[in-house]
Amino acid sequence: MIRRPDPLDEDFPLGDGVADTHATGVCPYCAARIEVAVDPGGGPAQRYVENCPVCCRPWTVRIVFDDVGRVDMSLATEDEG
């Protein structure tokens, strides 16, 4: 059996498997400090909507992983998002 290169390996190299899986931010509505679970398998740049577990208002979450798996997260109000 001949193994062909997986095209996803080019876009998402495996690295050392030590990417961040949590990030901490501040709710843009109620200023609560929140820990968010992040999924490195979702790609190096992600954007989605999640509700604050304290005030229940929706934020736009932006996630960016650097080359070594460290996460940078920002939370914005839905209208800023």
Protein backbone atom coordinates (compact mmCIF):
# COMPACT_ATOMS: atom_id res chain seq x y z
CA MET A 1 0.00 0.00 0.00
CA ILE A 2 1.37 3.39 -1.01
CA ARG A 3 0.82 6.16 1.52
CA ARG A 4 -0.09 9.42 -0.14
CA PRO A 5 0.55 12.69 1.70
CA ASP A 6 -2.51 14.05 3.44
CA PRO A 7 -3.24 17.59 2.14
CA LEU A 8 -4.38 18.59 5.65
CA ASP A 9 -0.83 18.02 6.93
CA GLU A 10 0.32 21.04 4.91
CA ASP A 11 -2.37 23.33 6.34
CA PHE A 12 -2.24 21.96 9.90
CA PRO A 13 1.14 20.42 10.74
CA LEU A 14 1.03 18.06 13.71
CA GLY A 15 3.69 19.80 15.77
CA ASP A 16 4.55 18.36 19.18
CA GLY A 17 0.96 17.89 20.39
CA VAL A 18 1.23 20.49 23.16
CA ALA A 19 -1.20 23.15 21.94
CA ASP A 20 -3.18 25.19 24.45
CA THR A 21 -6.67 23.86 25.14
CA HIS A 22 -7.92 26.70 27.38
CA ALA A 23 -7.75 30.48 27.25
CA THR A 24 -8.86 33.17 29.68
CA GLY A 25 -10.70 36.34 28.73
CA VAL A 26 -13.00 39.01 30.11
CA CYS A 27 -16.67 39.21 29.13
CA PRO A 28 -17.16 42.47 27.21
CA TYR A 29 -20.61 42.89 28.82
CA CYS A 30 -20.31 42.00 32.52
CA ALA A 31 -16.49 42.01 32.92
CA ALA A 32 -16.46 38.50 34.42
CA ARG A 33 -13.16 36.66 33.99
CA ILE A 34 -13.94 33.55 31.93
CA GLU A 35 -11.96 30.44 31.01
CA VAL A 36 -12.89 29.10 27.57
CA ALA A 37 -12.06 25.64 26.24
CA VAL A 38 -10.44 25.96 22.80
CA ASP A 39 -9.98 23.29 20.15
CA PRO A 40 -6.60 23.31 18.36
CA GLY A 41 -8.05 20.80 15.90
CA GLY A 42 -10.42 23.50 14.61
CA GLY A 43 -7.60 25.18 12.71
CA PRO A 44 -5.08 27.95 13.35
CA ALA A 45 -7.67 30.76 13.17
CA GLN A 46 -11.23 30.41 14.44
CA ARG A 47 -14.23 32.67 14.95
CA TYR A 48 -17.54 31.70 16.55
CA VAL A 49 -20.28 32.94 18.90
CA GLU A 50 -20.54 31.71 22.49
CA ASN A 51 -22.68 32.90 25.40
CA CYS A 52 -21.17 34.20 28.63
CA PRO A 53 -21.75 31.64 31.39
CA VAL A 54 -22.33 34.51 33.87
CA CYS A 55 -24.59 37.04 32.09
CA CYS A 56 -25.71 34.80 29.16
CA ARG A 57 -25.04 37.48 26.52
CA PRO A 58 -23.39 36.40 23.24
CA TRP A 59 -19.78 37.23 22.41
CA THR A 60 -17.82 36.78 19.25
CA VAL A 61 -14.80 34.64 20.11
CA ARG A 62 -11.66 34.96 17.99
CA ILE A 63 -8.96 32.33 18.43
CA VAL A 64 -5.53 32.29 16.80
CA PHE A 65 -2.89 29.63 17.44
CA ASP A 66 0.76 30.49 16.82
CA ASP A 67 3.32 28.07 15.33
CA VAL A 68 4.00 26.38 18.67
CA GLY A 69 0.37 26.03 19.75
CA ARG A 70 -0.02 29.04 22.05
CA VAL A 71 -3.48 30.54 21.83
CA ASP A 72 -4.43 34.19 21.55
CA MET A 73 -8.12 34.77 22.28
CA SER A 74 -10.24 37.89 22.09
CA LEU A 75 -13.89 38.37 23.08
CA ALA A 76 -16.06 41.09 21.54
CA THR A 77 -19.70 42.08 21.81
CA GLU A 78 -21.77 40.52 19.07
CA ASP A 79 -22.25 43.87 17.31
CA GLU A 80 -18.44 44.53 17.37
CA GLY A 81 -17.70 41.01 16.20
